[in-house]
Amino acid sequence: MNRLRLPLMLFGLSLAPLAQGSDQPLDEVLVEVNRGKLIQEMIKLEDRFFERYNELNTNDDFDTDCDLETRAGTRVERRYCRAVYQTRALQKEASGYLYFLQKNNPPPSGNPAPGEQPPPPLLEGPPLPSYMEIAARQKDYQENIREVVRKHPELQELLRERHELGKRYEASRGKTSSAKPAAGNEATSAAPLLP
């Protein structure tokens, strides 16, 4: 089947219920489009919130950036918002693990000179997991966000708008299905958005 026929056939199949007098598939398509718009609006509000929060926040470790990431072993992109200290902890763990692997698995040195011994492996273990450092500072990070939000009504308004969009999104999900969306289809934030 050539490439042009398949989309035309799918388009024709999507219109078939309309010819029979049923408008149910059209409603479902519109709900999906609206959900996509709601997600994009929520992301824009979160970006505005964190941009302004970062300007007002005095602790640079608690500045927060959001980005799309693809986890190892998947092709699904998800949105994560992390404080600077969380990103640094993840980077520290990754570089520490690479160092550990290099020192404990030295490359072969070819033909060693007579009587030459390869260097002994490093006896240190792998680095501590980043979640330990992240968890140790999580309460301070959350309190910092709450404090900055308490002092700035504009941040409170952005949170209120984001909350309302979230409620509208949840309501639109309930109209078509009670099933949860597939992993990766929702916007997530590692930072607490509601104080």
Foldseek 3Di string as FASTA:
>chain_A
DDPVVVVVVVVVVLCVVVVVVDCVSVVVVVLVVVLVVLQVVLVVLVVVLLVVLCVQFPDQQLRKDKDWDDDPPGPFIAIEIDGNVLVVLQVVQVVQQVVLVCQQCPDDPPDDDVPDDDDHGDPDDRDDHSVVVCVVCVVVSLVSSVVSCVVDVVSVVSLVVSVVSVVVSVVSCVVPDPDDDDPRPHHDYPHDSDD
